[in-house]
Structure formats: structure tokens, C-alpha cells
Amino acid sequence: MQGRIKHLLWVGLACMLVACGGGGGGGSSSTPAPNGTFDLSTTSLSFTAATPISTVASQTITLSNLGPDAAAIRVSSTSGGAIASWLSVTISGSTGTVTANPSSLSVGTYNTVVRVASFSSSGAQLFSRDVNVQLVVTSNLWSIYDASALPNATGALTQANGSLTQFDLNTGGNSAYSSVAAGILSLDTTAAAGDQHFFVTPFAATNTAATYPKKLTILARLKGDAASDRFLDINSSFGDTGATAYKAQITFGSSFTGSSLTNTKLSLNNVNGGGAVYSSNFDATNYHVFHIAITMNTPSSGTVLVYLDGNATPILNQTVSSFPAAAVGENNLRLGDTDSTYTRKGSLDWLVWTNSDAYTPAQLSGKLPAGFTSTGY
């Protein structure tokens, strides 16, 4: 019996030695597989773009817990080839920057998958993870008034969704103060300094949500007239539903600084407690494209930049701690003479705007609506 037990113990020990490759059995140890695993901060990205803007804001993916044997990280399609032509991915350190470019795409939804893979120093792929990317290209970015008819004429305004609407004339507005000829809107209130005469249209209903920041870009091709040192107002009100609205009031041309029409300014009115802020000078006897970019960071504060003819340096760059109040829920754009004291006389060739973002001239270069070209864009 004792002999039988000794025999079994020796057999068990021999089996253990063989299994672990140890002692006297001549066994060999196995080489562990290379470790190139990693984690991604997300495996799904979604972009939205409105034509004709060429690019949208980039998004980032962070790589973490990278295995010690990964010598390189590369991206490709799932088949190993190039990724979609409307997408670019660059990797720097542990951060991947993903950018979508809809400039060559029609309205629609585009989906692709990007494969992120690690490679050894010898070029062998070690590990991969896929990222699903979707780009939704929506309809035309712009709401457009081309001055082919009075702003309050039926169908004079083309909204970003393609619908035809029109501005409303303010209560008490006098139709004799504005006219249209050869695609130019002329405004003249010099006969009645106390009269307000302006056109108003609401922004999209989505702009009334209490979500910030709210952004607006307006481009208008304007010029003044020697009969009045102020030639036009453009006011933009940003009101949350049921709450006091606040507005950016811009007057093109101003006598407050003693300037002439050939060397005039524009003013951002009643900000930071009631004062006006002035731009650098420009010649209002010629047409210029004024590019207004507004960001409302809170209901009553934000920034206003105004560019001239597509130049990268704004003629006005103002951080506003307090915009003037407007009516509860007011959410619209006003164009014309909104002043009950001073007169206006000037001409407008066209006006376009979008609530999508506060764009810079570089972002809009070559991207104005068809037929709305100008030096600098």
C-alpha cells in the first residue's frame, strides 16, 4: 500500500514538472503575445453642417491605457484603405482630431467607420477599435433678402428652410419712406425726424430656448447718403420664451463723433449701462459688406464683432456685460430707422443672416449664397 502511494506521488510530481516546463524535464517557456491594446474616449461621433459652410468644428478622441508594445497608431477605413473623402483624422500623442468637410456634399446623411489601430515596431497590426462617424448636411444656411422687392412684399424673404415669407412693417411705419429700384432698397426718413420706419422678422423658433451661447451672423451690403449722417439700423433681439429679451442695436453712420460720411463710423448703442461704442472709420459713400458676428453668452451679455469687406481684423470688437433690454420674448431682426429722434437715409443691396454660428470672414470665404459675391469673400 505504501509503495502504491509513493508511486502516485512521483507520477503527480512528474506531471506537474512537465506541465510547468520545469525541472529535469527539458520543458520550454512560451513567449507572451505583444500588448498593443488601448481604450478610446468614444466610439461614436456626430457632426451637423449647413451648406455652404466648408467645415464644421472639429471633435477629439482621446486614447488611453496604450499597451507597451504599440509603436504607432494609424487610422484607416475598415478595409484598410483611405477614410471617407469628407473626413480627416490627425493624431498627436494621445489625441485624435476628427474634422468633417461638407463643402462637396449635397444635403443628406453620411455615415462611415474609421478604424483606429496600433502597430508594432515591425509594422504588424496589434489591436484595433472602430469609430462610427455620422455627418448630417442640412439645407441652405442663410435667410436671404435680395432687395428685389420691398421687405414686406409677399415672398420677399427666403428663409433658411427654403420657405418664402416677408418682413412686417412696424406699426406706424410709413410706406413712403422706403422704395426699391434695380435691386436696391432705399430708406429715407429725412422728412420726419420723429418717425420710426423699420421692417421686422422673427428668428427661428428654436432661438427662443433658454440655451446658451446663442449665435448670429449677419452680412449686409450698404452705403450711406450725404443727406443724413446715419443711414441704417440693424437690431437683433434674443429673447427666451416668457423672459425679458436683450438686443444688439447697431447704427451705421454716426454724427456723435463729428465724422463726415466719407470718414464715418458705426455705433453699438446703449451697452454696458447706456453708452455707445464706436467702430473705426470707413467711407460710407461707397458700398461695403458689413459682417456682424454676435455671441450671447448669457441672456444679457456677450460679444459683438463687425468686419468690413471680409477683412480679418474687425472694425469693432466689443465684449458687452449688459445689452439693453427689449420686450419679453422678443426674438427678431429689425432693419431700417428704429430711432425716434434722428433721421436715416441710405441704400441696401442685400442682407443675409444665420443663427447657426458667429462666423469669421475666413469661415465664409467663397461661401456666400449664389449671386451674393463681394470683395473679401
Protein backbone atom coordinates (compact mmCIF):
# COMPACT_ATOMS: atom_id res chain seq x y z
CA MET A 1 0.00 0.00 0.00
CA GLN A 2 2.78 2.42 0.94
CA GLY A 3 4.55 1.54 -2.28
CA ARG A 4 1.42 2.36 -4.26
CA ILE A 5 1.14 5.81 -2.58
CA LYS A 6 4.79 6.61 -3.28
CA HIS A 7 4.29 5.67 -6.90
CA LEU A 8 1.30 8.00 -7.29
CA LEU A 9 3.14 10.91 -5.65
CA TRP A 10 6.05 10.59 -8.03
CA VAL A 11 3.75 10.37 -11.03
CA GLY A 12 1.91 13.53 -9.88
CA LEU A 13 5.15 15.42 -9.35
CA ALA A 14 6.40 14.40 -12.76
CA CYS A 15 3.17 15.61 -14.36
CA MET A 16 3.49 18.96 -12.58
CA LEU A 17 7.04 19.41 -13.73
CA VAL A 18 6.14 18.65 -17.33
CA ALA A 19 3.11 20.92 -17.24
CA CYS A 20 5.08 23.89 -15.93
CA GLY A 21 8.11 23.21 -18.07
CA GLY A 22 10.35 22.91 -15.03
CA GLY A 23 12.97 20.65 -13.51
CA GLY A 24 14.76 17.98 -15.38
CA GLY A 25 12.05 17.59 -17.98
CA GLY A 26 13.69 19.80 -20.59
CA GLY A 27 10.46 21.89 -20.99
CA SER A 28 10.50 25.38 -22.69
CA SER A 29 8.63 28.64 -21.67
CA SER A 30 6.15 30.32 -24.13
CA THR A 31 6.55 33.98 -25.36
CA PRO A 32 3.61 36.26 -24.37
CA ALA A 33 1.66 37.93 -27.20
CA PRO A 34 2.57 41.58 -27.89
CA ASN A 35 0.36 44.03 -25.97
CA GLY A 36 -0.94 46.86 -28.16
CA THR A 37 -4.39 47.30 -26.66
CA PHE A 38 -5.89 50.72 -25.93
CA ASP A 39 -9.11 52.47 -24.91
CA LEU A 40 -10.93 55.29 -26.74
CA SER A 41 -12.89 58.08 -25.08
CA THR A 42 -15.73 57.48 -27.56
CA THR A 43 -16.57 55.18 -30.44
CA SER A 44 -19.24 57.41 -31.99
CA LEU A 45 -19.09 60.96 -33.40
CA SER A 46 -21.84 63.07 -34.95
CA PHE A 47 -21.46 66.27 -37.00
CA THR A 48 -24.10 68.63 -38.38
CA ALA A 49 -23.39 71.15 -41.13
CA ALA A 50 -25.44 73.58 -43.14
CA THR A 51 -24.32 74.35 -46.67
CA PRO A 52 -22.42 76.25 -47.86
CA ILE A 53 -20.03 76.43 -44.89
CA SER A 54 -16.95 74.40 -45.85
CA THR A 55 -16.03 72.97 -42.44
CA VAL A 56 -17.59 72.37 -39.07
CA ALA A 57 -16.00 72.34 -35.63
CA SER A 58 -13.55 69.51 -35.10
CA GLN A 59 -14.06 66.90 -32.39
CA THR A 60 -11.45 64.95 -30.46
CA ILE A 61 -10.95 61.36 -29.36
CA THR A 62 -8.56 60.52 -26.53
CA LEU A 63 -6.52 57.29 -26.49
CA SER A 64 -5.63 55.83 -23.11
CA ASN A 65 -4.17 52.69 -21.50
CA LEU A 66 -1.96 52.04 -24.51
CA GLY A 67 -0.16 48.71 -24.40
CA PRO A 68 3.67 48.79 -24.10
CA ASP A 69 4.30 47.14 -27.45
CA ALA A 70 2.37 49.70 -29.55
CA ALA A 71 4.90 51.70 -31.56
CA ALA A 72 2.43 53.56 -33.79
CA ILE A 73 -1.26 54.44 -34.08
CA ARG A 74 -2.84 54.70 -37.53
CA VAL A 75 -6.33 55.28 -38.92
CA SER A 76 -7.96 53.77 -41.98
CA SER A 77 -11.27 52.52 -43.30
CA THR A 78 -12.41 49.13 -42.06
CA SER A 79 -10.93 47.60 -45.20
CA GLY A 80 -7.56 49.19 -44.52
CA GLY A 81 -7.84 51.83 -47.24
CA ALA A 82 -8.38 55.59 -47.14
CA ILE A 83 -11.16 57.01 -44.98
CA ALA A 84 -14.13 58.91 -46.46
CA SER A 85 -13.10 61.93 -48.52
CA TRP A 86 -15.23 64.30 -46.42
CA LEU A 87 -13.42 63.31 -43.22
CA SER A 88 -9.91 63.86 -41.90
CA VAL A 89 -8.24 62.47 -38.79
CA THR A 90 -4.93 63.56 -37.34
CA ILE A 91 -3.26 62.01 -34.29
CA SER A 92 -0.89 63.84 -31.99
CA GLY A 93 0.24 61.99 -28.91
CA SER A 94 -2.84 60.52 -27.26
CA THR A 95 -5.35 62.83 -29.02
CA GLY A 96 -7.07 62.25 -32.35
CA THR A 97 -8.67 65.28 -34.03
CA VAL A 98 -11.57 64.50 -36.36
CA THR A 99 -12.80 67.09 -38.88
CA ALA A 100 -15.73 66.86 -41.28
CA ASN A 101 -15.83 68.88 -44.51
CA PRO A 102 -19.25 69.05 -46.23
CA SER A 103 -18.24 71.50 -48.98
CA SER A 104 -18.57 68.93 -51.78
CA LEU A 105 -21.63 67.17 -50.37
CA SER A 106 -25.34 67.54 -51.12
CA VAL A 107 -27.99 67.73 -48.43
CA GLY A 108 -28.27 64.33 -46.74
CA THR A 109 -26.88 61.99 -44.08
CA TYR A 110 -23.42 60.44 -44.48
CA ASN A 111 -22.08 57.56 -42.39
CA THR A 112 -18.65 56.00 -42.27
CA VAL A 113 -16.50 53.94 -39.93
CA VAL A 114 -12.93 54.85 -39.02
CA ARG A 115 -10.62 52.10 -37.76
CA VAL A 116 -8.02 53.09 -35.19
CA ALA A 117 -5.24 50.51 -34.93
CA SER A 118 -1.96 50.03 -33.06
CA PHE A 119 1.13 48.64 -34.76
CA SER A 120 4.38 47.13 -33.52
CA SER A 121 7.82 48.48 -34.40
CA SER A 122 7.99 45.88 -37.17
CA GLY A 123 4.72 47.15 -38.70
CA ALA A 124 2.45 44.34 -37.56
CA GLN A 125 -1.05 45.33 -36.51
CA LEU A 126 -1.63 44.53 -32.84
CA PHE A 127 -5.10 45.82 -31.96
CA SER A 128 -7.92 47.94 -33.42
CA ARG A 129 -11.16 49.66 -32.47
CA ASP A 130 -13.79 51.21 -34.77
CA VAL A 131 -15.36 54.67 -34.51
CA ASN A 132 -18.73 55.33 -36.16
CA VAL A 133 -18.96 58.81 -37.70
CA GLN A 134 -22.10 60.49 -39.00
CA LEU A 135 -22.36 63.81 -40.86
CA VAL A 136 -25.77 65.39 -41.43
CA VAL A 137 -25.78 68.10 -44.10
CA THR A 138 -28.86 70.30 -43.81
CA SER A 139 -30.37 72.81 -46.20
CA ASN A 140 -29.13 76.28 -47.06
CA LEU A 141 -27.53 78.11 -44.15
CA TRP A 142 -28.90 81.55 -44.96
CA SER A 143 -32.05 83.57 -44.64
CA ILE A 144 -31.91 85.94 -47.62
CA TYR A 145 -33.36 89.33 -48.55
CA ASP A 146 -32.13 90.37 -52.00
CA ALA A 147 -33.95 93.75 -52.30
CA SER A 148 -35.82 92.69 -55.43
CA ALA A 149 -38.99 93.91 -53.66
CA LEU A 150 -39.86 95.83 -50.53
CA PRO A 151 -39.08 93.76 -47.43
CA ASN A 152 -42.78 93.49 -46.53
CA ALA A 153 -43.82 92.33 -50.01
CA THR A 154 -45.18 88.79 -50.12
CA GLY A 155 -42.35 86.29 -50.64
CA ALA A 156 -39.59 88.91 -50.41
CA LEU A 157 -37.69 86.93 -47.77
CA THR A 158 -36.27 83.45 -48.37
CA GLN A 159 -35.84 81.57 -45.11
CA ALA A 160 -33.06 79.05 -44.50
CA ASN A 161 -35.54 76.18 -44.84
CA GLY A 162 -36.46 77.40 -48.34
CA SER A 163 -39.85 78.87 -47.43
CA LEU A 164 -40.84 82.29 -48.76
CA THR A 165 -42.04 84.82 -46.19
CA GLN A 166 -41.70 88.56 -45.67
CA PHE A 167 -40.83 91.18 -43.09
CA ASP A 168 -43.54 93.11 -41.29
CA LEU A 169 -43.60 96.91 -41.34
CA ASN A 170 -43.62 98.36 -37.84
CA THR A 171 -46.84 99.86 -36.52
CA GLY A 172 -46.83 103.49 -37.64
CA GLY A 173 -44.30 102.86 -40.40
CA ASN A 174 -44.84 104.97 -43.49
CA SER A 175 -44.54 103.18 -46.83
CA ALA A 176 -43.40 106.44 -48.43
CA TYR A 177 -40.11 106.22 -46.55
CA SER A 178 -38.77 103.22 -48.47
CA SER A 179 -38.62 102.15 -52.10
CA VAL A 180 -37.00 99.51 -54.31
CA ALA A 181 -35.43 100.05 -57.74
CA ALA A 182 -32.96 97.88 -59.68
CA GLY A 183 -32.45 95.55 -56.74
CA ILE A 184 -31.65 98.28 -54.22
CA LEU A 185 -33.72 99.14 -51.14
CA SER A 186 -33.63 102.87 -50.39
CA LEU A 187 -34.56 104.23 -46.97
CA ASP A 188 -35.26 107.93 -46.40
CA THR A 189 -36.80 109.34 -43.23
CA THR A 190 -35.24 112.79 -43.55
CA ALA A 191 -38.71 114.34 -43.96
CA ALA A 192 -39.79 113.27 -40.47
CA ALA A 193 -37.13 113.03 -37.77
CA GLY A 194 -39.57 111.76 -35.16
CA ASP A 195 -40.89 108.83 -37.19
CA GLN A 196 -39.70 105.25 -36.83
CA HIS A 197 -39.79 103.20 -40.00
CA PHE A 198 -38.41 99.68 -39.89
CA PHE A 199 -39.04 96.13 -41.04
CA VAL A 200 -39.06 93.22 -38.60
CA THR A 201 -38.93 89.43 -38.95
CA PRO A 202 -38.73 86.76 -36.24
CA PHE A 203 -35.76 84.47 -35.86
CA ALA A 204 -36.32 80.71 -35.87
CA ALA A 205 -38.45 79.42 -33.02
CA THR A 206 -35.51 77.30 -31.81
CA ASN A 207 -33.74 80.55 -30.89
CA THR A 208 -36.22 81.13 -28.05
CA ALA A 209 -34.92 78.22 -25.95
CA ALA A 210 -33.01 79.21 -22.81
CA THR A 211 -29.82 77.59 -24.10
CA TYR A 212 -26.52 79.48 -24.36
CA PRO A 213 -24.46 80.56 -26.08
CA LYS A 214 -26.75 81.88 -28.82
CA LYS A 215 -25.03 83.00 -32.01
CA LEU A 216 -25.87 85.11 -35.04
CA THR A 217 -24.06 86.16 -38.22
CA ILE A 218 -25.43 88.97 -40.41
CA LEU A 219 -23.96 90.25 -43.67
CA ALA A 220 -25.37 93.37 -45.34
CA ARG A 221 -24.14 95.35 -48.33
CA LEU A 222 -24.84 99.01 -47.56
CA LYS A 223 -23.90 102.57 -48.33
CA GLY A 224 -24.86 105.95 -46.90
CA ASP A 225 -26.21 109.17 -48.34
CA ALA A 226 -24.98 112.74 -47.91
CA ALA A 227 -28.46 113.84 -46.75
CA SER A 228 -28.05 112.07 -43.41
CA ASP A 229 -25.02 111.03 -41.37
CA ARG A 230 -26.90 107.92 -40.20
CA PHE A 231 -28.06 105.59 -42.93
CA LEU A 232 -29.50 102.40 -41.41
CA ASP A 233 -30.07 100.43 -38.21
CA ILE A 234 -29.85 96.66 -37.76
CA ASN A 235 -31.15 95.47 -34.38
CA SER A 236 -31.13 91.87 -33.19
CA SER A 237 -33.16 90.73 -30.18
CA PHE A 238 -32.53 87.49 -28.31
CA GLY A 239 -35.43 86.52 -26.08
CA ASP A 240 -36.11 83.31 -24.22
CA THR A 241 -39.76 82.30 -24.10
CA GLY A 242 -41.50 84.27 -21.34
CA ALA A 243 -38.36 86.16 -20.31
CA THR A 244 -37.04 89.67 -20.84
CA ALA A 245 -35.18 89.91 -24.13
CA TYR A 246 -31.94 91.77 -24.76
CA LYS A 247 -30.82 93.30 -28.03
CA ALA A 248 -27.79 94.38 -30.02
CA GLN A 249 -28.52 97.77 -31.64
CA ILE A 250 -26.20 98.85 -34.45
CA THR A 251 -26.46 102.17 -36.28
CA PHE A 252 -24.47 102.59 -39.48
CA GLY A 253 -23.13 106.13 -39.66
CA SER A 254 -22.97 108.49 -36.69
CA SER A 255 -22.59 112.19 -36.04
CA PHE A 256 -21.80 111.76 -32.36
CA THR A 257 -18.09 111.71 -33.13
CA GLY A 258 -18.21 114.68 -35.53
CA SER A 259 -17.36 112.50 -38.52
CA SER A 260 -18.40 113.03 -42.13
CA LEU A 261 -19.90 110.45 -44.47
CA THR A 262 -16.50 109.87 -46.10
CA ASN A 263 -14.96 109.16 -42.71
CA THR A 264 -17.75 107.82 -40.56
CA LYS A 265 -18.30 105.08 -38.01
CA LEU A 266 -20.94 102.66 -36.85
CA SER A 267 -22.15 102.55 -33.27
CA LEU A 268 -23.23 99.76 -30.93
CA ASN A 269 -25.81 101.54 -28.83
CA ASN A 270 -26.87 101.56 -25.16
CA VAL A 271 -24.45 98.91 -23.94
CA ASN A 272 -22.77 98.47 -20.55
CA GLY A 273 -25.15 100.80 -18.78
CA GLY A 274 -26.28 103.12 -21.55
CA GLY A 275 -23.29 104.30 -23.58
CA ALA A 276 -22.41 103.75 -27.24
CA VAL A 277 -19.28 102.05 -28.58
CA TYR A 278 -17.88 103.15 -31.95
CA SER A 279 -16.07 101.35 -34.72
CA SER A 280 -13.02 102.52 -36.58
CA ASN A 281 -13.67 104.79 -39.57
CA PHE A 282 -14.86 103.87 -43.06
CA ASP A 283 -16.08 105.66 -46.20
CA ALA A 284 -19.89 105.36 -46.38
CA THR A 285 -20.17 106.97 -49.81
CA ASN A 286 -19.29 103.57 -51.30
CA TYR A 287 -20.96 100.19 -50.80
CA HIS A 288 -19.39 97.94 -48.20
CA VAL A 289 -20.21 94.49 -46.88
CA PHE A 290 -20.70 94.75 -43.13
CA HIS A 291 -20.30 91.42 -41.37
CA ILE A 292 -21.78 91.26 -37.86
CA ALA A 293 -20.97 88.30 -35.58
CA ILE A 294 -22.85 88.21 -32.26
CA THR A 295 -22.46 85.72 -29.42
CA MET A 296 -24.85 85.89 -26.46
CA ASN A 297 -23.13 84.05 -23.61
CA THR A 298 -25.99 84.82 -21.21
CA PRO A 299 -29.40 86.45 -21.83
CA SER A 300 -27.87 89.91 -21.35
CA SER A 301 -24.13 89.64 -22.08
CA GLY A 302 -21.85 88.56 -24.89
CA THR A 303 -19.65 89.84 -27.72
CA VAL A 304 -20.21 91.80 -30.92
CA LEU A 305 -17.71 91.88 -33.77
CA VAL A 306 -18.16 93.80 -37.02
CA TYR A 307 -15.92 93.16 -40.04
CA LEU A 308 -15.66 95.28 -43.18
CA ASP A 309 -15.45 93.75 -46.67
CA GLY A 310 -14.14 90.41 -45.44
CA ASN A 311 -11.06 91.76 -43.68
CA ALA A 312 -9.87 89.52 -40.86
CA THR A 313 -9.45 92.40 -38.40
CA PRO A 314 -12.81 93.69 -37.14
CA ILE A 315 -13.62 97.39 -37.15
CA LEU A 316 -15.50 96.81 -33.90
CA ASN A 317 -14.72 94.16 -31.30
CA GLN A 318 -16.69 94.62 -28.12
CA THR A 319 -17.32 92.49 -25.06
CA VAL A 320 -20.68 93.54 -23.62
CA SER A 321 -21.51 92.98 -19.96
CA SER A 322 -25.01 94.42 -20.35
CA PHE A 323 -27.11 94.73 -23.51
CA PRO A 324 -30.23 96.94 -23.45
CA ALA A 325 -33.50 95.23 -22.60
CA ALA A 326 -36.27 94.58 -25.12
CA ALA A 327 -39.81 93.26 -24.77
CA VAL A 328 -40.48 89.93 -23.09
CA GLY A 329 -39.84 87.08 -25.51
CA GLU A 330 -38.76 89.39 -28.36
CA ASN A 331 -36.71 87.33 -30.79
CA ASN A 332 -36.25 89.10 -34.11
CA LEU A 333 -34.24 91.16 -36.56
CA ARG A 334 -35.13 94.80 -37.32
CA LEU A 335 -33.96 96.72 -40.36
CA GLY A 336 -34.46 100.43 -41.07
CA ASP A 337 -34.94 103.50 -38.87
CA THR A 338 -35.57 102.39 -35.28
CA ASP A 339 -34.84 105.83 -33.80
CA SER A 340 -37.50 108.38 -32.85
CA THR A 341 -35.02 111.29 -32.77
CA TYR A 342 -32.59 111.22 -35.70
CA THR A 343 -33.24 110.57 -39.40
CA ARG A 344 -31.82 107.89 -41.69
CA LYS A 345 -31.01 107.83 -45.40
CA GLY A 346 -29.13 105.02 -47.10
CA SER A 347 -29.22 102.10 -49.50
CA LEU A 348 -29.16 98.32 -49.03
CA ASP A 349 -28.18 95.92 -51.81
CA TRP A 350 -28.77 92.69 -49.88
CA LEU A 351 -28.99 91.17 -46.43
CA VAL A 352 -28.33 87.56 -45.31
CA TRP A 353 -28.15 86.01 -41.86
CA THR A 354 -27.89 82.74 -39.96
CA ASN A 355 -28.37 81.70 -36.35
CA SER A 356 -26.01 78.74 -36.85
CA ASP A 357 -22.86 80.40 -35.52
CA ALA A 358 -20.89 83.63 -35.16
CA TYR A 359 -18.65 83.11 -38.20
CA THR A 360 -15.42 84.86 -39.14
CA PRO A 361 -14.74 86.14 -42.67
CA ALA A 362 -12.29 83.27 -43.26
CA GLN A 363 -15.00 80.74 -42.48
CA LEU A 364 -17.32 82.36 -45.02
CA SER A 365 -14.81 82.89 -47.82
CA GLY A 366 -16.42 81.67 -51.06
CA LYS A 367 -19.49 80.53 -49.11
CA LEU A 368 -21.98 83.35 -49.52
CA PRO A 369 -25.24 82.41 -51.28
CA ALA A 370 -25.11 82.20 -55.07
CA GLY A 371 -25.12 85.69 -56.56
CA PHE A 372 -24.05 87.39 -53.34
CA THR A 373 -20.37 87.85 -54.07
CA SER A 374 -18.18 90.63 -52.83
CA THR A 375 -14.53 91.55 -52.44
CA GLY A 376 -13.16 89.75 -49.41
CA TYR A 377 -15.48 86.74 -49.62
